[in-house]
């Protein structure tokens, strides 16, 4: 089995959509399940000024799943506020690999980065 059952991404911030065009501001949580069986994952969003929000999702066996934080349907109905710093933690019932990505188009020299989180 590849991965860990706990992942933490302490620096999340949904950027504004931007001026439009081909690329737009967004962030994603990407989860890989290399197990044969599906994995249940509980996501918690941690805010600076309000109680955490939680939702659950499933990743089928030997599949990858991408959650777009600007899509409430991907986030268990949770609406992530634009431009506010928050953190994300994932707790899975079997090992997974998780990654966070953000595309910020607020400047002409847009920034895209991905990062693995802290895991245990």
PDB file of N, CA and C in Angstrom:
ATOM      1  N   UNK A   1       0.845  -1.181   0.000  1.00  0.00           N
ATOM      2  CA  UNK A   1       0.000   0.000   0.000  1.00  0.00           C
ATOM      3  C   UNK A   1       0.888   1.242   0.000  1.00  0.00           C
ATOM      4  N   UNK A   2       0.516   2.181  -0.812  1.00  0.00           N
ATOM      5  CA  UNK A   2       1.281   3.414  -0.946  1.00  0.00           C
ATOM      6  C   UNK A   2       0.567   4.547  -0.236  1.00  0.00           C
ATOM      7  N   UNK A   3       1.311   5.336   0.542  1.00  0.00           N
ATOM      8  CA  UNK A   3       0.739   6.533   1.135  1.00  0.00           C
ATOM      9  C   UNK A   3       0.621   6.475   2.641  1.00  0.00           C
ATOM     10  N   UNK A   4      -0.183   7.402   3.145  1.00  0.00           N
ATOM     11  CA  UNK A   4      -0.424   7.571   4.578  1.00  0.00           C
ATOM     12  C   UNK A   4      -1.918   7.826   4.787  1.00  0.00           C
ATOM     13  N   UNK A   5      -2.365   7.726   6.033  1.00  0.00           N
ATOM     14  CA  UNK A   5      -3.797   7.919   6.317  1.00  0.00           C
ATOM     15  C   UNK A   5      -4.139   9.341   6.748  1.00  0.00           C
ATOM     16  N   UNK A   6      -3.147  10.145   7.118  1.00  0.00           N
ATOM     17  CA  UNK A   6      -3.389  11.530   7.533  1.00  0.00           C
ATOM     18  C   UNK A   6      -2.536  12.466   6.691  1.00  0.00           C
ATOM     19  N   UNK A   7      -3.171  13.505   6.141  1.00  0.00           N
ATOM     20  CA  UNK A   7      -2.480  14.520   5.342  1.00  0.00           C
ATOM     21  C   UNK A   7      -2.933  15.892   5.806  1.00  0.00           C
ATOM     22  N   UNK A   8      -1.984  16.829   5.885  1.00  0.00           N
ATOM     23  CA  UNK A   8      -2.298  18.197   6.308  1.00  0.00           C
ATOM     24  C   UNK A   8      -1.645  19.179   5.340  1.00  0.00           C
ATOM     25  N   UNK A   9      -2.445  20.164   4.916  1.00  0.00           N
ATOM     26  CA  UNK A   9      -1.982  21.257   4.055  1.00  0.00           C
ATOM     27  C   UNK A   9      -2.280  22.557   4.796  1.00  0.00           C
ATOM     28  N   UNK A  10      -1.298  23.128   5.497  1.00  0.00           N
ATOM     29  CA  UNK A  10      -1.580  24.270   6.364  1.00  0.00           C
ATOM     30  C   UNK A  10      -1.763  25.596   5.638  1.00  0.00           C
ATOM     31  N   UNK A  11      -1.386  25.695   4.360  1.00  0.00           N
ATOM     32  CA  UNK A  11      -1.476  26.972   3.648  1.00  0.00           C
ATOM     33  C   UNK A  11      -2.371  26.842   2.430  1.00  0.00           C
ATOM     34  N   UNK A  12      -3.653  27.051   2.615  1.00  0.00           N
ATOM     35  CA  UNK A  12      -4.601  27.045   1.506  1.00  0.00           C
ATOM     36  C   UNK A  12      -5.242  28.426   1.415  1.00  0.00           C
ATOM     37  N   UNK A  13      -5.542  28.844   0.196  1.00  0.00           N
ATOM     38  CA  UNK A  13      -6.246  30.107  -0.033  1.00  0.00           C
ATOM     39  C   UNK A  13      -6.792  30.076  -1.447  1.00  0.00           C
ATOM     40  N   UNK A  14      -8.104  30.039  -1.574  1.00  0.00           N
ATOM     41  CA  UNK A  14      -8.736  30.021  -2.886  1.00  0.00           C
ATOM     42  C   UNK A  14      -8.553  31.385  -3.540  1.00  0.00           C
ATOM     43  N   UNK A  15      -7.788  31.468  -4.654  1.00  0.00           N
ATOM     44  CA  UNK A  15      -7.594  32.764  -5.297  1.00  0.00           C
ATOM     45  C   UNK A  15      -8.841  33.180  -6.077  1.00  0.00           C
ATOM     46  N   UNK A  16      -8.962  34.488  -6.379  1.00  0.00           N
ATOM     47  CA  UNK A  16     -10.087  34.929  -7.196  1.00  0.00           C
ATOM     48  C   UNK A  16     -10.040  34.274  -8.576  1.00  0.00           C
ATOM     49  N   UNK A  17     -11.194  34.234  -9.215  1.00  0.00           N
ATOM     50  CA  UNK A  17     -11.340  33.616 -10.527  1.00  0.00           C
ATOM     51  C   UNK A  17     -10.429  34.271 -11.555  1.00  0.00           C
ATOM     52  N   UNK A  18     -10.285  35.594 -11.492  1.00  0.00           N
ATOM     53  CA  UNK A  18      -9.414  36.317 -12.418  1.00  0.00           C
ATOM     54  C   UNK A  18     -10.175  36.887 -13.598  1.00  0.00           C
ATOM     55  N   UNK A  19      -9.434  37.433 -14.573  1.00  0.00           N
ATOM     56  CA  UNK A  19     -10.063  38.143 -15.685  1.00  0.00           C
ATOM     57  C   UNK A  19     -10.725  37.242 -16.712  1.00  0.00           C
ATOM     58  N   UNK A  20     -10.600  35.957 -16.574  1.00  0.00           N
ATOM     59  CA  UNK A  20     -11.205  35.053 -17.548  1.00  0.00           C
ATOM     60  C   UNK A  20     -10.181  34.625 -18.576  1.00  0.00           C
ATOM     61  N   UNK A  21     -10.660  34.169 -19.693  1.00  0.00           N
ATOM     62  CA  UNK A  21      -9.738  33.664 -20.695  1.00  0.00           C
ATOM     63  C   UNK A  21      -9.562  32.174 -20.532  1.00  0.00           C
ATOM     64  N   UNK A  22      -8.439  31.701 -20.999  1.00  0.00           N
ATOM     65  CA  UNK A  22      -8.199  30.266 -20.992  1.00  0.00           C
ATOM     66  C   UNK A  22      -7.929  29.703 -19.600  1.00  0.00           C
ATOM     67  N   UNK A  23      -7.236  30.483 -18.756  1.00  0.00           N
ATOM     68  CA  UNK A  23      -6.900  30.023 -17.415  1.00  0.00           C
ATOM     69  C   UNK A  23      -7.593  30.882 -16.371  1.00  0.00           C
ATOM     70  N   UNK A  24      -7.979  30.274 -15.273  1.00  0.00           N
ATOM     71  CA  UNK A  24      -8.614  31.021 -14.190  1.00  0.00           C
ATOM     72  C   UNK A  24      -8.098  30.513 -12.852  1.00  0.00           C
ATOM     73  N   UNK A  25      -8.161  31.409 -11.858  1.00  0.00           N
ATOM     74  CA  UNK A  25      -7.661  31.075 -10.534  1.00  0.00           C
ATOM     75  C   UNK A  25      -8.466  29.951  -9.895  1.00  0.00           C
ATOM     76  N   UNK A  26      -7.757  28.999  -9.304  1.00  0.00           N
ATOM     77  CA  UNK A  26      -8.408  27.886  -8.611  1.00  0.00           C
ATOM     78  C   UNK A  26      -7.388  27.177  -7.725  1.00  0.00           C
ATOM     79  N   UNK A  27      -7.870  26.287  -6.902  1.00  0.00           N
ATOM     80  CA  UNK A  27      -7.006  25.379  -6.158  1.00  0.00           C
ATOM     81  C   UNK A  27      -7.654  24.005  -6.157  1.00  0.00           C
ATOM     82  N   UNK A  28      -6.839  22.990  -5.951  1.00  0.00           N
ATOM     83  CA  UNK A  28      -7.303  21.608  -6.012  1.00  0.00           C
ATOM     84  C   UNK A  28      -6.649  20.773  -4.926  1.00  0.00           C
ATOM     85  N   UNK A  29      -7.376  19.761  -4.496  1.00  0.00           N
ATOM     86  CA  UNK A  29      -6.837  18.711  -3.644  1.00  0.00           C
ATOM     87  C   UNK A  29      -6.869  17.446  -4.498  1.00  0.00           C
ATOM     88  N   UNK A  30      -5.723  16.825  -4.689  1.00  0.00           N
ATOM     89  CA  UNK A  30      -5.630  15.649  -5.531  1.00  0.00           C
ATOM     90  C   UNK A  30      -5.308  14.451  -4.641  1.00  0.00           C
ATOM     91  N   UNK A  31      -6.092  13.382  -4.774  1.00  0.00           N
ATOM     92  CA  UNK A  31      -5.935  12.199  -3.923  1.00  0.00           C
ATOM     93  C   UNK A  31      -5.780  10.969  -4.814  1.00  0.00           C
ATOM     94  N   UNK A  32      -4.725  10.202  -4.561  1.00  0.00           N
ATOM     95  CA  UNK A  32      -4.462   8.963  -5.283  1.00  0.00           C
ATOM     96  C   UNK A  32      -4.680   7.778  -4.350  1.00  0.00           C
ATOM     97  N   UNK A  33      -5.473   6.828  -4.811  1.00  0.00           N
ATOM     98  CA  UNK A  33      -5.713   5.585  -4.076  1.00  0.00           C
ATOM     99  C   UNK A  33      -5.131   4.434  -4.891  1.00  0.00           C
ATOM    100  N   UNK A  34      -3.991   3.902  -4.452  1.00  0.00           N
ATOM    101  CA  UNK A  34      -3.387   2.769  -5.157  1.00  0.00           C
ATOM    102  C   UNK A  34      -3.901   1.425  -4.650  1.00  0.00           C
ATOM    103  N   UNK A  35      -4.739   1.440  -3.629  1.00  0.00           N
ATOM    104  CA  UNK A  35      -5.324   0.215  -3.089  1.00  0.00           C
ATOM    105  C   UNK A  35      -6.332  -0.370  -4.072  1.00  0.00           C
ATOM    106  N   UNK A  36      -6.617  -1.653  -3.938  1.00  0.00           N
ATOM    107  CA  UNK A  36      -7.642  -2.278  -4.771  1.00  0.00           C
ATOM    108  C   UNK A  36      -9.042  -1.840  -4.361  1.00  0.00           C
ATOM    109  N   UNK A  37      -9.243  -1.621  -3.072  1.00  0.00           N
ATOM    110  CA  UNK A  37     -10.565  -1.269  -2.538  1.00  0.00           C
ATOM    111  C   UNK A  37     -10.742   0.252  -2.474  1.00  0.00           C
ATOM    112  N   UNK A  38     -11.996   0.717  -2.483  1.00  0.00           N
ATOM    113  CA  UNK A  38     -12.256   2.147  -2.298  1.00  0.00           C
ATOM    114  C   UNK A  38     -11.783   2.619  -0.924  1.00  0.00           C
ATOM    115  N   UNK A  39     -11.500   3.905  -0.820  1.00  0.00           N
ATOM    116  CA  UNK A  39     -11.070   4.520   0.429  1.00  0.00           C
ATOM    117  C   UNK A  39     -12.042   5.646   0.779  1.00  0.00           C
ATOM    118  N   UNK A  40     -12.475   5.687   2.045  1.00  0.00           N
ATOM    119  CA  UNK A  40     -13.298   6.792   2.549  1.00  0.00           C
ATOM    120  C   UNK A  40     -12.367   7.837   3.155  1.00  0.00           C
ATOM    121  N   UNK A  41     -12.605   9.108   2.809  1.00  0.00           N
ATOM    122  CA  UNK A  41     -11.755  10.200   3.278  1.00  0.00           C
ATOM    123  C   UNK A  41     -12.629  11.263   3.933  1.00  0.00           C
ATOM    124  N   UNK A  42     -12.213  11.725   5.100  1.00  0.00           N
ATOM    125  CA  UNK A  42     -12.874  12.851   5.766  1.00  0.00           C
ATOM    126  C   UNK A  42     -11.970  14.066   5.616  1.00  0.00           C
ATOM    127  N   UNK A  43     -12.521  15.136   5.049  1.00  0.00           N
ATOM    128  CA  UNK A  43     -11.783  16.393   4.897  1.00  0.00           C
ATOM    129  C   UNK A  43     -12.268  17.384   5.946  1.00  0.00           C
ATOM    130  N   UNK A  44     -11.332  18.095   6.542  1.00  0.00           N
ATOM    131  CA  UNK A  44     -11.652  19.164   7.483  1.00  0.00           C
ATOM    132  C   UNK A  44     -10.981  20.435   6.989  1.00  0.00           C
ATOM    133  N   UNK A  45     -11.756  21.515   6.921  1.00  0.00           N
ATOM    134  CA  UNK A  45     -11.235  22.829   6.553  1.00  0.00           C
ATOM    135  C   UNK A  45     -11.146  23.648   7.829  1.00  0.00           C
ATOM    136  N   UNK A  46      -9.966  24.143   8.139  1.00  0.00           N
ATOM    137  CA  UNK A  46      -9.681  24.867   9.380  1.00  0.00           C
ATOM    138  C   UNK A  46      -9.551  26.354   9.066  1.00  0.00           C
ATOM    139  N   UNK A  47     -10.343  27.188   9.736  1.00  0.00           N
ATOM    140  CA  UNK A  47     -10.358  28.634   9.488  1.00  0.00           C
ATOM    141  C   UNK A  47      -9.758  29.396  10.668  1.00  0.00           C
ATOM    142  N   UNK A  48      -9.406  30.651  10.441  1.00  0.00           N
ATOM    143  CA  UNK A  48      -8.850  31.483  11.513  1.00  0.00           C
ATOM    144  C   UNK A  48      -9.921  32.069  12.412  1.00  0.00           C
ATOM    145  N   UNK A  49     -11.146  32.217  11.902  1.00  0.00           N
ATOM    146  CA  UNK A  49     -12.158  32.964  12.654  1.00  0.00           C
ATOM    147  C   UNK A  49     -13.511  32.272  12.778  1.00  0.00           C
ATOM    148  N   UNK A  50     -13.573  30.968  12.453  1.00  0.00           N
ATOM    149  CA  UNK A  50     -14.840  30.237  12.597  1.00  0.00           C
ATOM    150  C   UNK A  50     -14.560  28.751  12.770  1.00  0.00           C
ATOM    151  N   UNK A  51     -15.596  28.034  13.126  1.00  0.00           N
ATOM    152  CA  UNK A  51     -15.466  26.593  13.371  1.00  0.00           C
ATOM    153  C   UNK A  51     -15.087  25.857  12.082  1.00  0.00           C
ATOM    154  N   UNK A  52     -14.394  24.735  12.209  1.00  0.00           N
ATOM    155  CA  UNK A  52     -14.024  23.950  11.031  1.00  0.00           C
ATOM    156  C   UNK A  52     -15.261  23.422  10.296  1.00  0.00           C
ATOM    157  N   UNK A  53     -15.092  23.195   9.004  1.00  0.00           N
ATOM    158  CA  UNK A  53     -16.121  22.563   8.172  1.00  0.00           C
ATOM    159  C   UNK A  53     -15.605  21.181   7.781  1.00  0.00           C
ATOM    160  N   UNK A  54     -16.503  20.186   7.770  1.00  0.00           N
ATOM    161  CA  UNK A  54     -16.098  18.829   7.419  1.00  0.00           C
ATOM    162  C   UNK A  54     -17.017  18.251   6.359  1.00  0.00           C
ATOM    163  N   UNK A  55     -16.445  17.372   5.559  1.00  0.00           N
ATOM    164  CA  UNK A  55     -17.234  16.598   4.606  1.00  0.00           C
ATOM    165  C   UNK A  55     -16.465  15.322   4.301  1.00  0.00           C
ATOM    166  N   UNK A  56     -17.164  14.353   3.740  1.00  0.00           N
ATOM    167  CA  UNK A  56     -16.541  13.079   3.401  1.00  0.00           C
ATOM    168  C   UNK A  56     -16.660  12.833   1.909  1.00  0.00           C
ATOM    169  N   UNK A  57     -15.685  12.116   1.380  1.00  0.00           N
ATOM    170  CA  UNK A  57     -15.738  11.719  -0.021  1.00  0.00           C
ATOM    171  C   UNK A  57     -15.062  10.361  -0.161  1.00  0.00           C
ATOM    172  N   UNK A  58     -15.190   9.785  -1.312  1.00  0.00           N
ATOM    173  CA  UNK A  58     -14.691   8.438  -1.564  1.00  0.00           C
ATOM    174  C   UNK A  58     -13.792   8.476  -2.800  1.00  0.00           C
ATOM    175  N   UNK A  59     -12.734   7.679  -2.749  1.00  0.00           N
ATOM    176  CA  UNK A  59     -11.861   7.507  -3.908  1.00  0.00           C
ATOM    177  C   UNK A  59     -11.866   6.022  -4.248  1.00  0.00           C
ATOM    178  N   UNK A  60     -12.312   5.696  -5.424  1.00  0.00           N
ATOM    179  CA  UNK A  60     -12.390   4.296  -5.841  1.00  0.00           C
ATOM    180  C   UNK A  60     -10.996   3.671  -5.884  1.00  0.00           C
ATOM    181  N   UNK A  61     -10.961   2.344  -5.857  1.00  0.00           N
ATOM    182  CA  UNK A  61      -9.693   1.634  -5.883  1.00  0.00           C
ATOM    183  C   UNK A  61      -8.912   1.894  -7.158  1.00  0.00           C
ATOM    184  N   UNK A  62      -7.612   2.064  -7.028  1.00  0.00           N
ATOM    185  CA  UNK A  62      -6.697   2.311  -8.141  1.00  0.00           C
ATOM    186  C   UNK A  62      -7.146   3.482  -9.016  1.00  0.00           C
ATOM    187  N   UNK A  63      -7.556   4.565  -8.341  1.00  0.00           N
ATOM    188  CA  UNK A  63      -8.028   5.768  -9.044  1.00  0.00           C
ATOM    189  C   UNK A  63      -7.448   7.016  -8.400  1.00  0.00           C
ATOM    190  N   UNK A  64      -7.522   8.111  -9.141  1.00  0.00           N
ATOM    191  CA  UNK A  64      -7.157   9.428  -8.626  1.00  0.00           C
ATOM    192  C   UNK A  64      -8.425  10.282  -8.631  1.00  0.00           C
ATOM    193  N   UNK A  65      -8.532  11.159  -7.655  1.00  0.00           N
ATOM    194  CA  UNK A  65      -9.690  12.062  -7.584  1.00  0.00           C
ATOM    195  C   UNK A  65      -9.190  13.477  -7.326  1.00  0.00           C
ATOM    196  N   UNK A  66      -9.716  14.415  -8.086  1.00  0.00           N
ATOM    197  CA  UNK A  66      -9.346  15.822  -7.951  1.00  0.00           C
ATOM    198  C   UNK A  66     -10.557  16.596  -7.442  1.00  0.00           C
ATOM    199  N   UNK A  67     -10.386  17.276  -6.320  1.00  0.00           N
ATOM    200  CA  UNK A  67     -11.444  18.105  -5.748  1.00  0.00           C
ATOM    201  C   UNK A  67     -11.094  19.561  -6.012  1.00  0.00           C
ATOM    202  N   UNK A  68     -11.935  20.273  -6.741  1.00  0.00           N
ATOM    203  CA  UNK A  68     -11.726  21.700  -6.988  1.00  0.00           C
ATOM    204  C   UNK A  68     -12.404  22.461  -5.857  1.00  0.00           C
ATOM    205  N   UNK A  69     -11.636  23.232  -5.110  1.00  0.00           N
ATOM    206  CA  UNK A  69     -12.193  23.897  -3.933  1.00  0.00           C
ATOM    207  C   UNK A  69     -13.167  25.007  -4.287  1.00  0.00           C
ATOM    208  N   UNK A  70     -13.182  25.456  -5.542  1.00  0.00           N
ATOM    209  CA  UNK A  70     -14.156  26.461  -5.968  1.00  0.00           C
ATOM    210  C   UNK A  70     -15.469  25.827  -6.425  1.00  0.00           C
ATOM    211  N   UNK A  71     -15.577  24.520  -6.325  1.00  0.00           N
ATOM    212  CA  UNK A  71     -16.791  23.790  -6.710  1.00  0.00           C
ATOM    213  C   UNK A  71     -17.418  23.163  -5.465  1.00  0.00           C
ATOM    214  N   UNK A  72     -18.467  23.769  -4.896  1.00  0.00           N
ATOM    215  CA  UNK A  72     -19.095  23.187  -3.701  1.00  0.00           C
ATOM    216  C   UNK A  72     -19.503  21.720  -3.890  1.00  0.00           C
ATOM    217  N   UNK A  73     -19.849  21.331  -5.119  1.00  0.00           N
ATOM    218  CA  UNK A  73     -20.225  19.933  -5.351  1.00  0.00           C
ATOM    219  C   UNK A  73     -19.045  18.986  -5.122  1.00  0.00           C
ATOM    220  N   UNK A  74     -17.818  19.447  -5.325  1.00  0.00           N
ATOM    221  CA  UNK A  74     -16.629  18.644  -5.022  1.00  0.00           C
ATOM    222  C   UNK A  74     -16.305  18.651  -3.534  1.00  0.00           C
ATOM    223  N   UNK A  75     -16.793  19.675  -2.829  1.00  0.00           N
ATOM    224  CA  UNK A  75     -16.401  19.920  -1.437  1.00  0.00           C
ATOM    225  C   UNK A  75     -17.516  19.568  -0.454  1.00  0.00           C
ATOM    226  N   UNK A  76     -18.360  18.626  -0.806  1.00  0.00           N
ATOM    227  CA  UNK A  76     -19.425  18.199   0.096  1.00  0.00           C
ATOM    228  C   UNK A  76     -20.417  19.302   0.408  1.00  0.00           C
ATOM    229  N   UNK A  77     -20.581  20.256  -0.520  1.00  0.00           N
ATOM    230  CA  UNK A  77     -21.500  21.374  -0.314  1.00  0.00           C
ATOM    231  C   UNK A  77     -20.879  22.562   0.407  1.00  0.00           C
ATOM    232  N   UNK A  78     -19.645  22.430   0.872  1.00  0.00           N
ATOM    233  CA  UNK A  78     -18.970  23.528   1.573  1.00  0.00           C
ATOM    234  C   UNK A  78     -18.543  24.583   0.552  1.00  0.00           C
ATOM    235  N   UNK A  79     -18.858  25.843   0.836  1.00  0.00           N
ATOM    236  CA  UNK A  79     -18.410  26.945  -0.017  1.00  0.00           C
ATOM    237  C   UNK A  79     -17.149  27.546   0.588  1.00  0.00           C
ATOM    238  N   UNK A  80     -16.043  27.368  -0.088  1.00  0.00           N
ATOM    239  CA  UNK A  80     -14.756  27.881   0.383  1.00  0.00           C
ATOM    240  C   UNK A  80     -14.691  29.376   0.071  1.00  0.00           C
ATOM    241  N   UNK A  81     -14.407  30.220   1.069  1.00  0.00           N
ATOM    242  CA  UNK A  81     -14.340  31.655   0.818  1.00  0.00           C
ATOM    243  C   UNK A  81     -13.116  32.027  -0.024  1.00  0.00           C
ATOM    244  N   UNK A  82     -13.312  32.938  -0.952  1.00  0.00           N
ATOM    245  CA  UNK A  82     -12.228  33.410  -1.815  1.00  0.00           C
ATOM    246  C   UNK A  82     -11.321  34.353  -1.031  1.00  0.00           C
ATOM    247  N   UNK A  83     -10.016  34.160  -1.174  1.00  0.00           N
ATOM    248  CA  UNK A  83      -9.041  35.080  -0.611  1.00  0.00           C
ATOM    249  C   UNK A  83      -8.809  34.977   0.883  1.00  0.00           C
ATOM    250  N   UNK A  84      -9.362  33.973   1.544  1.00  0.00           N
ATOM    251  CA  UNK A  84      -9.153  33.795   2.986  1.00  0.00           C
ATOM    252  C   UNK A  84      -8.228  32.608   3.228  1.00  0.00           C
ATOM    253  N   UNK A  85      -7.250  32.819   4.082  1.00  0.00           N
ATOM    254  CA  UNK A  85      -6.317  31.752   4.422  1.00  0.00           C
ATOM    255  C   UNK A  85      -7.028  30.708   5.273  1.00  0.00           C
ATOM    256  N   UNK A  86      -6.789  29.444   4.966  1.00  0.00           N
ATOM    257  CA  UNK A  86      -7.337  28.343   5.751  1.00  0.00           C
ATOM    258  C   UNK A  86      -6.403  27.149   5.603  1.00  0.00           C
ATOM    259  N   UNK A  87      -6.675  26.072   6.298  1.00  0.00           N
ATOM    260  CA  UNK A  87      -5.879  24.852   6.216  1.00  0.00           C
ATOM    261  C   UNK A  87      -6.805  23.680   5.901  1.00  0.00           C
ATOM    262  N   UNK A  88      -6.217  22.619   5.379  1.00  0.00           N
ATOM    263  CA  UNK A  88      -6.964  21.422   4.994  1.00  0.00           C
ATOM    264  C   UNK A  88      -6.313  20.214   5.658  1.00  0.00           C
ATOM    265  N   UNK A  89      -7.128  19.341   6.253  1.00  0.00           N
ATOM    266  CA  UNK A  89      -6.603  18.050   6.699  1.00  0.00           C
ATOM    267  C   UNK A  89      -7.473  16.939   6.124  1.00  0.00           C
ATOM    268  N   UNK A  90      -6.840  15.825   5.820  1.00  0.00           N
ATOM    269  CA  UNK A  90      -7.518  14.651   5.284  1.00  0.00           C
ATOM    270  C   UNK A  90      -7.227  13.473   6.196  1.00  0.00           C
ATOM    271  N   UNK A  91      -8.255  12.691   6.491  1.00  0.00           N
ATOM    272  CA  UNK A  91      -8.111  11.482   7.289  1.00  0.00           C
ATOM    273  C   UNK A  91      -8.775  10.344   6.520  1.00  0.00           C
ATOM    274  N   UNK A  92      -8.005   9.332   6.152  1.00  0.00           N
ATOM    275  CA  UNK A  92      -8.508   8.246   5.313  1.00  0.00           C
ATOM    276  C   UNK A  92      -8.516   6.930   6.080  1.00  0.00           C
ATOM    277  N   UNK A  93      -9.396   6.017   5.660  1.00  0.00           N
ATOM    278  CA  UNK A  93      -9.460   4.719   6.331  1.00  0.00           C
ATOM    279  C   UNK A  93      -8.455   3.709   5.775  1.00  0.00           C
ATOM    280  N   UNK A  94      -7.659   4.121   4.798  1.00  0.00           N
ATOM    281  CA  UNK A  94      -6.553   3.326   4.262  1.00  0.00           C
ATOM    282  C   UNK A  94      -5.538   4.315   3.677  1.00  0.00           C
ATOM    283  N   UNK A  95      -4.306   3.893   3.454  1.00  0.00           N
ATOM    284  CA  UNK A  95      -3.299   4.824   2.949  1.00  0.00           C
ATOM    285  C   UNK A  95      -3.658   5.413   1.579  1.00  0.00           C
ATOM    286  N   UNK A  96      -3.400   6.707   1.438  1.00  0.00           N
ATOM    287  CA  UNK A  96      -3.580   7.452   0.196  1.00  0.00           C
ATOM    288  C   UNK A  96      -2.363   8.360   0.013  1.00  0.00           C
ATOM    289  N   UNK A  97      -2.238   8.924  -1.178  1.00  0.00           N
ATOM    290  CA  UNK A  97      -1.258   9.973  -1.445  1.00  0.00           C
ATOM    291  C   UNK A  97      -2.057  11.221  -1.799  1.00  0.00           C
ATOM    292  N   UNK A  98      -1.697  12.364  -1.198  1.00  0.00           N
ATOM    293  CA  UNK A  98      -2.450  13.595  -1.427  1.00  0.00           C
ATOM    294  C   UNK A  98      -1.508  14.733  -1.793  1.00  0.00           C
ATOM    295  N   UNK A  99      -2.035  15.650  -2.588  1.00  0.00           N
ATOM    296  CA  UNK A  99      -1.274  16.802  -3.051  1.00  0.00           C
ATOM    297  C   UNK A  99      -2.221  17.988  -3.142  1.00  0.00           C
ATOM    298  N   UNK A 100      -1.672  19.185  -2.965  1.00  0.00           N
ATOM    299  CA  UNK A 100      -2.441  20.424  -3.063  1.00  0.00           C
ATOM    300  C   UNK A 100      -1.865  21.244  -4.210  1.00  0.00           C
ATOM    301  N   UNK A 101      -2.733  21.869  -5.002  1.00  0.00           N
ATOM    302  CA  UNK A 101      -2.280  22.732  -6.089  1.00  0.00           C
ATOM    303  C   UNK A 101      -3.078  24.020  -6.134  1.00  0.00           C
ATOM    304  N   UNK A 102      -2.416  25.105  -6.555  1.00  0.00           N
ATOM    305  CA  UNK A 102      -3.084  26.413  -6.661  1.00  0.00           C
ATOM    306  C   UNK A 102      -2.586  27.137  -7.910  1.00  0.00           C
ATOM    307  N   UNK A 103      -3.521  27.723  -8.661  1.00  0.00           N
ATOM    308  CA  UNK A 103      -3.198  28.604  -9.781  1.00  0.00           C
ATOM    309  C   UNK A 103      -3.730  29.982  -9.442  1.00  0.00           C
ATOM    310  N   UNK A 104      -2.823  30.950  -9.342  1.00  0.00           N
ATOM    311  CA  UNK A 104      -3.190  32.332  -9.010  1.00  0.00           C
ATOM    312  C   UNK A 104      -2.910  33.195 -10.229  1.00  0.00           C
ATOM    313  N   UNK A 105      -3.959  33.808 -10.790  1.00  0.00           N
ATOM    314  CA  UNK A 105      -3.828  34.604 -12.014  1.00  0.00           C
ATOM    315  C   UNK A 105      -3.990  36.098 -11.751  1.00  0.00           C
ATOM    316  N   UNK A 106      -3.794  36.538 -10.506  1.00  0.00           N
ATOM    317  CA  UNK A 106      -3.959  37.956 -10.178  1.00  0.00           C
ATOM    318  C   UNK A 106      -2.911  38.839 -10.837  1.00  0.00           C
ATOM    319  N   UNK A 107      -1.788  38.284 -11.222  1.00  0.00           N
ATOM    320  CA  UNK A 107      -0.738  39.044 -11.893  1.00  0.00           C
ATOM    321  C   UNK A 107      -0.472  38.415 -13.257  1.00  0.00           C
ATOM    322  N   UNK A 108       0.047  39.215 -14.214  1.00  0.00           N
ATOM    323  CA  UNK A 108       0.355  38.634 -15.530  1.00  0.00           C
ATOM    324  C   UNK A 108       1.319  37.447 -15.430  1.00  0.00           C
ATOM    325  N   UNK A 109       2.243  37.489 -14.488  1.00  0.00           N
ATOM    326  CA  UNK A 109       3.162  36.376 -14.263  1.00  0.00           C
ATOM    327  C   UNK A 109       2.491  35.404 -13.295  1.00  0.00           C
ATOM    328  N   UNK A 110       1.462  34.744 -13.767  1.00  0.00           N
ATOM    329  CA  UNK A 110       0.668  33.897 -12.881  1.00  0.00           C
ATOM    330  C   UNK A 110       1.524  32.847 -12.196  1.00  0.00           C
ATOM    331  N   UNK A 111       1.052  32.402 -11.062  1.00  0.00           N
ATOM    332  CA  UNK A 111       1.792  31.423 -10.271  1.00  0.00           C
ATOM    333  C   UNK A 111       0.981  30.136 -10.155  1.00  0.00           C
ATOM    334  N   UNK A 112       1.620  29.021 -10.484  1.00  0.00           N
ATOM    335  CA  UNK A 112       1.012  27.713 -10.273  1.00  0.00           C
ATOM    336  C   UNK A 112       1.986  26.898  -9.444  1.00  0.00           C
ATOM    337  N   UNK A 113       1.482  26.337  -8.375  1.00  0.00           N
ATOM    338  CA  UNK A 113       2.355  25.458  -7.603  1.00  0.00           C
ATOM    339  C   UNK A 113       1.567  24.311  -7.019  1.00  0.00           C
ATOM    340  N   UNK A 114       2.304  23.237  -6.786  1.00  0.00           N
ATOM    341  CA  UNK A 114       1.734  22.080  -6.105  1.00  0.00           C
ATOM    342  C   UNK A 114       2.664  21.731  -4.950  1.00  0.00           C
ATOM    343  N   UNK A 115       2.097  21.099  -3.961  1.00  0.00           N
ATOM    344  CA  UNK A 115       2.918  20.688  -2.826  1.00  0.00           C
ATOM    345  C   UNK A 115       2.314  19.451  -2.166  1.00  0.00           C
ATOM    346  N   UNK A 116       3.170  18.508  -1.793  1.00  0.00           N
ATOM    347  CA  UNK A 116       2.670  17.435  -0.945  1.00  0.00           C
ATOM    348  C   UNK A 116       2.481  17.999   0.457  1.00  0.00           C
ATOM    349  N   UNK A 117       1.587  17.446   1.188  1.00  0.00           N
ATOM    350  CA  UNK A 117       1.348  17.914   2.551  1.00  0.00           C
ATOM    351  C   UNK A 117       2.193  17.159   3.562  1.00  0.00           C
ATOM    352  N   UNK A 118       2.009  17.522   4.808  1.00  0.00           N
ATOM    353  CA  UNK A 118       2.578  16.753   5.915  1.00  0.00           C
ATOM    354  C   UNK A 118       1.738  15.488   6.032  1.00  0.00           C
ATOM    355  N   UNK A 119       2.376  14.350   6.216  1.00  0.00           N
ATOM    356  CA  UNK A 119       1.615  13.100   6.313  1.00  0.00           C
ATOM    357  C   UNK A 119       2.143  12.237   7.442  1.00  0.00           C
ATOM    358  N   UNK A 120       1.231  11.414   7.980  1.00  0.00           N
ATOM    359  CA  UNK A 120       1.627  10.422   8.983  1.00  0.00           C
ATOM    360  C   UNK A 120       0.667   9.263   8.947  1.00  0.00           C
TER     361      UNK A 120
END
